[in-house]
Amino acid sequence: MSSPTPSSSAPSDRSSGSSTRDADTSAPTTSDREDPSSPVDASVAHGAPPASITPGAPAAAPGAEGDVDAGPPARARGRGNWRSLLLSTAAVAALLFVIYAIVPRPDSVTQPPVDVTPVARQLQEESQTTVWIPQLGEPGKPWKATSVRHGTDPVSWYVGYTRTDDDSVFVAVQQIPADTPAEKAEAWRAEAVSNGREDGTSTVGGATWTRVTAGGDPARRGLVGTRGDMTTVVSGLADYATLEQVAGSLRPYGK
């Protein structure tokens, strides 16, 4: 009786199992190499940069194809707009300056001389006396009548003159009939010379005039005298020589 021959299947199984384990560790399966459901590229997963992305370069916009010039940044365009606005404003300002420089402009608004004759005529008719008017040359050169008024209590008149070459000089001529009641005449005189005090005398055309000064800065001075039938005060912001010149120029109206 022959003895059973030993079976060689066990070693064969061990060898097969060893081969299977070696294959498992040396070659990954398809599911290990690539997972279709993962959004990350296999190369990125293994630490390598994607082939389509250059390190240091900006990523292309989604859906963009090829090299597309996106234009200058928005901030650069904003600076350009402000610069254009400033340049336009400067150009307009320069144009306005040139127009202002070449267009002639009057130094001041001047008024024509006042006509004093209507008031002088009215006073002469009411008082039945002769009114005396300064004769200072051609109107406005250099004296100009700037104001005139008629008073009723007492009957009187006032005319003011300025010098066109020196507007700091002002002279007024005031008159009332010599037969005005003394009380009213004295009050009128005090007001006409600003309640000034006597300051000597001046001689004008052979007649004596009383000097009056009210002081102040500049000083207000006056001359008080008689011309014909009129008590006359010549006063203002001027020296006595100027007041004497105006007083000496008085002439009867209408004669």
Protein backbone atom coordinates (compact mmCIF):
# COMPACT_ATOMS: atom_id res chain seq x y z
CA MET A 1 0.00 0.00 0.00
CA SER A 2 1.49 3.14 -1.15
CA SER A 3 1.66 6.23 1.10
CA PRO A 4 -0.25 9.31 0.06
CA THR A 5 1.74 11.88 -1.80
CA PRO A 6 1.99 15.18 0.10
CA SER A 7 -0.11 17.96 -1.40
CA SER A 8 1.77 20.97 -2.81
CA SER A 9 -1.22 23.31 -2.74
CA ALA A 10 -0.32 25.01 0.55
CA PRO A 11 3.01 26.34 -0.56
CA SER A 12 1.42 27.42 -3.75
CA ASP A 13 -1.20 29.34 -1.77
CA ARG A 14 1.50 31.04 0.32
CA SER A 15 3.38 32.04 -2.76
CA SER A 16 0.27 33.41 -4.35
CA GLY A 17 -0.60 35.36 -1.22
CA SER A 18 2.89 36.84 -1.07
CA SER A 19 2.65 37.92 -4.67
CA THR A 20 -0.67 39.55 -4.02
CA ARG A 21 0.65 41.56 -1.05
CA ASP A 22 3.64 42.75 -3.05
CA ALA A 23 1.39 43.91 -5.81
CA ASP A 24 -0.77 45.82 -3.29
CA THR A 25 2.15 47.86 -1.93
CA SER A 26 4.01 48.52 -5.15
CA ALA A 27 1.24 49.68 -7.51
CA PRO A 28 -1.68 51.79 -6.35
CA THR A 29 -5.03 51.00 -7.75
CA THR A 30 -6.96 53.27 -10.08
CA SER A 31 -9.10 54.60 -7.24
CA ASP A 32 -5.93 55.62 -5.32
CA ARG A 33 -4.41 57.50 -8.24
CA GLU A 34 -7.40 59.62 -9.24
CA ASP A 35 -10.69 60.36 -7.59
CA PRO A 36 -13.10 61.65 -10.23
CA SER A 37 -15.25 63.29 -7.58
CA SER A 38 -12.38 65.44 -6.13
CA PRO A 39 -12.14 69.11 -7.47
CA VAL A 40 -8.38 69.23 -6.87
CA ASP A 41 -6.03 68.27 -9.67
CA ALA A 42 -3.89 65.25 -8.98
CA SER A 43 -0.71 67.23 -9.49
CA VAL A 44 -1.82 69.81 -6.89
CA ALA A 45 -2.68 67.05 -4.48
CA HIS A 46 0.88 65.75 -4.75
CA GLY A 47 2.34 69.30 -4.07
CA ALA A 48 3.29 70.28 -7.62
CA PRO A 49 1.90 73.56 -9.13
CA PRO A 50 -0.65 73.13 -11.86
CA ALA A 51 0.83 73.17 -15.31
CA SER A 52 -1.57 75.91 -16.46
CA ILE A 53 -0.62 78.39 -13.67
CA THR A 54 2.68 80.25 -13.80
CA PRO A 55 4.02 81.08 -10.35
CA GLY A 56 3.88 84.85 -9.62
CA ALA A 57 1.50 85.61 -12.50
CA PRO A 58 -2.09 86.84 -11.91
CA ALA A 59 -4.73 84.27 -12.48
CA ALA A 60 -6.83 84.68 -15.57
CA ALA A 61 -10.46 85.62 -15.15
CA PRO A 62 -12.87 82.73 -15.35
CA GLY A 63 -13.91 82.10 -18.89
CA ALA A 64 -11.13 84.31 -20.39
CA GLU A 65 -9.24 82.86 -23.31
CA GLY A 66 -5.76 83.97 -24.30
CA ASP A 67 -4.13 87.23 -23.19
CA VAL A 68 -6.81 89.91 -22.69
CA ASP A 69 -5.82 93.55 -21.83
CA ALA A 70 -8.12 94.62 -18.98
CA GLY A 71 -7.09 98.31 -19.32
CA PRO A 72 -5.63 100.61 -16.64
CA PRO A 73 -6.75 100.14 -13.06
CA ALA A 74 -9.83 102.13 -11.96
CA ARG A 75 -7.72 104.23 -9.58
CA ALA A 76 -5.42 105.39 -12.39
CA ARG A 77 -8.41 106.46 -14.48
CA GLY A 78 -9.73 108.46 -11.48
CA ARG A 79 -6.46 110.38 -11.17
CA GLY A 80 -6.62 111.22 -14.85
CA ASN A 81 -10.14 112.63 -14.50
CA TRP A 82 -9.10 114.88 -11.58
CA ARG A 83 -6.07 116.09 -13.47
CA SER A 84 -8.17 117.01 -16.49
CA LEU A 85 -10.63 118.88 -14.27
CA LEU A 86 -7.85 120.87 -12.61
CA LEU A 87 -6.28 121.77 -15.94
CA SER A 88 -9.66 122.93 -17.31
CA THR A 89 -10.32 125.08 -14.23
CA ALA A 90 -6.88 126.67 -14.50
CA ALA A 91 -7.45 127.47 -18.17
CA VAL A 92 -10.80 129.13 -17.45
CA ALA A 93 -9.31 131.16 -14.58
CA ALA A 94 -6.47 132.35 -16.81
CA LEU A 95 -8.94 133.40 -19.50
CA LEU A 96 -11.05 135.36 -16.99
CA PHE A 97 -7.93 137.09 -15.66
CA VAL A 98 -6.93 138.18 -19.17
CA ILE A 99 -10.44 139.55 -19.83
CA TYR A 100 -10.42 141.40 -16.50
CA ALA A 101 -7.01 142.90 -17.27
CA ILE A 102 -7.83 144.19 -20.77
CA VAL A 103 -11.39 145.47 -20.24
CA PRO A 104 -11.32 149.18 -19.23
CA ARG A 105 -13.05 150.02 -15.96
CA PRO A 106 -13.87 153.39 -14.40
CA ASP A 107 -11.97 154.18 -11.22
CA SER A 108 -15.18 155.29 -9.51
CA VAL A 109 -18.75 156.17 -10.23
CA THR A 110 -18.92 159.95 -10.64
CA GLN A 111 -22.01 162.12 -10.47
CA PRO A 112 -22.41 165.25 -12.57
CA PRO A 113 -22.30 168.61 -10.77
CA VAL A 114 -25.54 169.77 -9.14
CA ASP A 115 -27.29 172.77 -10.71
CA VAL A 116 -27.68 175.32 -7.88
CA THR A 117 -29.49 178.04 -9.84
CA PRO A 118 -33.10 176.77 -9.38
CA VAL A 119 -32.80 176.94 -5.57
CA ALA A 120 -31.04 180.30 -5.70
CA ARG A 121 -33.83 181.69 -7.86
CA GLN A 122 -36.51 180.33 -5.53
CA LEU A 123 -34.86 181.89 -2.48
CA GLN A 124 -34.45 185.21 -4.22
CA GLU A 125 -38.12 185.30 -5.15
CA GLU A 126 -39.28 184.38 -1.62
CA SER A 127 -36.96 186.75 0.28
CA GLN A 128 -36.99 189.58 -2.23
CA THR A 129 -33.26 189.90 -1.66
CA THR A 130 -30.26 189.17 -3.87
CA VAL A 131 -28.67 185.72 -3.48
CA TRP A 132 -24.90 185.42 -3.89
CA ILE A 133 -23.47 182.38 -5.69
CA PRO A 134 -19.82 181.23 -5.74
CA GLN A 135 -18.16 181.56 -9.12
CA LEU A 136 -15.50 178.84 -8.99
CA GLY A 137 -14.78 178.47 -12.66
CA GLU A 138 -16.02 175.81 -15.03
CA PRO A 139 -18.28 173.31 -13.22
CA GLY A 140 -16.31 170.36 -12.02
CA LYS A 141 -12.87 171.92 -12.71
CA PRO A 142 -11.73 171.73 -9.97
CA TRP A 143 -14.77 172.60 -7.82
CA LYS A 144 -17.99 170.67 -8.15
CA ALA A 145 -21.35 171.41 -6.52
CA THR A 146 -22.46 168.20 -4.83
CA SER A 147 -25.52 169.27 -2.84
CA VAL A 148 -28.03 172.12 -2.58
CA ARG A 149 -31.10 172.66 -0.42
CA HIS A 150 -33.61 175.29 0.52
CA GLY A 151 -34.58 176.15 4.12
CA THR A 152 -37.89 177.65 5.25
CA ASP A 153 -37.43 178.55 8.95
CA PRO A 154 -35.69 180.84 8.58
CA VAL A 155 -35.69 181.27 4.81
CA SER A 156 -32.20 180.20 3.76
CA TRP A 157 -30.21 178.12 1.36
CA TYR A 158 -27.20 175.80 1.44
CA VAL A 159 -24.83 174.64 -1.31
CA GLY A 160 -21.89 172.30 -0.90
CA TYR A 161 -18.74 171.97 -3.05
CA THR A 162 -15.91 169.45 -3.21
CA ARG A 163 -12.62 169.57 -5.06
CA THR A 164 -12.28 166.99 -7.81
CA ASP A 165 -8.50 166.89 -7.36
CA ASP A 166 -8.71 166.45 -3.57
CA ASP A 167 -11.91 164.93 -2.19
CA SER A 168 -10.80 165.66 1.39
CA VAL A 169 -11.59 169.36 0.81
CA PHE A 170 -15.23 170.33 1.27
CA VAL A 171 -16.74 173.84 1.46
CA ALA A 172 -20.34 174.96 2.06
CA VAL A 173 -21.91 178.35 1.42
CA GLN A 174 -25.00 179.26 3.49
CA GLN A 175 -27.05 182.44 3.46
CA ILE A 176 -30.09 184.04 5.14
CA PRO A 177 -31.59 187.51 4.61
CA ALA A 178 -29.88 190.11 6.83
CA ASP A 179 -33.27 191.21 8.21
CA THR A 180 -34.01 187.76 9.71
CA PRO A 181 -35.11 188.11 13.38
CA ALA A 182 -32.06 188.11 15.67
CA GLU A 183 -33.02 185.01 17.65
CA LYS A 184 -33.50 182.86 14.55
CA ALA A 185 -30.43 184.39 12.90
CA GLU A 186 -28.22 183.53 15.91
CA ALA A 187 -29.44 179.94 16.09
CA TRP A 188 -28.91 179.56 12.34
CA ARG A 189 -25.37 180.97 12.58
CA ALA A 190 -24.37 178.67 15.46
CA GLU A 191 -25.53 175.63 13.51
CA ALA A 192 -23.82 176.81 10.31
CA VAL A 193 -20.41 176.99 12.06
CA SER A 194 -20.94 173.82 14.16
CA ASN A 195 -21.00 175.88 17.39
CA GLY A 196 -17.41 176.90 16.80
CA ARG A 197 -15.50 179.66 18.58
CA GLU A 198 -14.17 182.89 17.07
CA ASP A 199 -10.59 182.65 15.80
CA GLY A 200 -9.62 186.09 14.51
CA THR A 201 -10.59 187.78 11.25
CA SER A 202 -9.93 187.66 7.51
CA THR A 203 -10.21 190.45 4.94
CA VAL A 204 -11.97 189.47 1.72
CA GLY A 205 -12.61 192.04 -1.02
CA GLY A 206 -12.08 194.89 1.44
CA ALA A 207 -14.65 193.46 3.89
CA THR A 208 -13.91 191.91 7.29
CA TRP A 209 -15.03 188.36 7.94
CA THR A 210 -14.99 186.67 11.35
CA ARG A 211 -13.03 183.42 11.54
CA VAL A 212 -14.60 180.54 13.43
CA THR A 213 -13.14 177.11 14.20
CA ALA A 214 -14.89 174.03 15.53
CA GLY A 215 -11.70 172.04 16.04
CA GLY A 216 -11.75 168.29 15.41
CA ASP A 217 -9.55 166.20 13.14
CA PRO A 218 -9.65 167.41 10.49
CA ALA A 219 -10.59 170.84 11.82
CA ARG A 220 -13.79 172.46 10.60
CA ARG A 221 -13.36 176.20 9.97
CA GLY A 222 -15.66 178.98 8.84
CA LEU A 223 -15.92 182.64 7.81
CA VAL A 224 -18.94 184.73 8.82
CA GLY A 225 -19.70 187.98 6.97
CA THR A 226 -22.24 189.94 4.95
CA ARG A 227 -22.65 190.03 1.18
CA GLY A 228 -25.22 192.58 0.04
CA ASP A 229 -28.44 191.88 1.92
CA MET A 230 -27.39 188.36 2.91
CA THR A 231 -25.68 187.13 6.08
CA THR A 232 -23.22 184.59 4.72
CA VAL A 233 -21.24 181.70 6.21
CA VAL A 234 -18.49 179.97 4.23
CA SER A 235 -17.33 176.87 6.14
CA GLY A 236 -16.02 173.38 5.72
CA LEU A 237 -13.04 171.03 5.84
CA ALA A 238 -10.46 173.44 4.45
CA ASP A 239 -7.90 175.98 5.53
CA TYR A 240 -8.70 179.69 5.85
CA ALA A 241 -6.98 180.53 2.56
CA THR A 242 -9.36 178.21 0.70
CA LEU A 243 -12.39 179.64 2.51
CA GLU A 244 -11.25 183.16 1.60
CA GLN A 245 -10.97 182.12 -2.06
CA VAL A 246 -14.56 180.83 -2.08
CA ALA A 247 -15.89 183.90 -0.22
CA GLY A 248 -14.12 186.20 -2.69
CA SER A 249 -15.80 184.44 -5.65
CA LEU A 250 -19.38 185.25 -4.51
CA ARG A 251 -21.42 187.10 -7.13
CA PRO A 252 -25.09 188.23 -7.20
CA TYR A 253 -27.39 185.76 -8.88
CA GLY A 254 -28.82 187.04 -12.17
CA LYS A 255 -26.48 190.02 -12.43
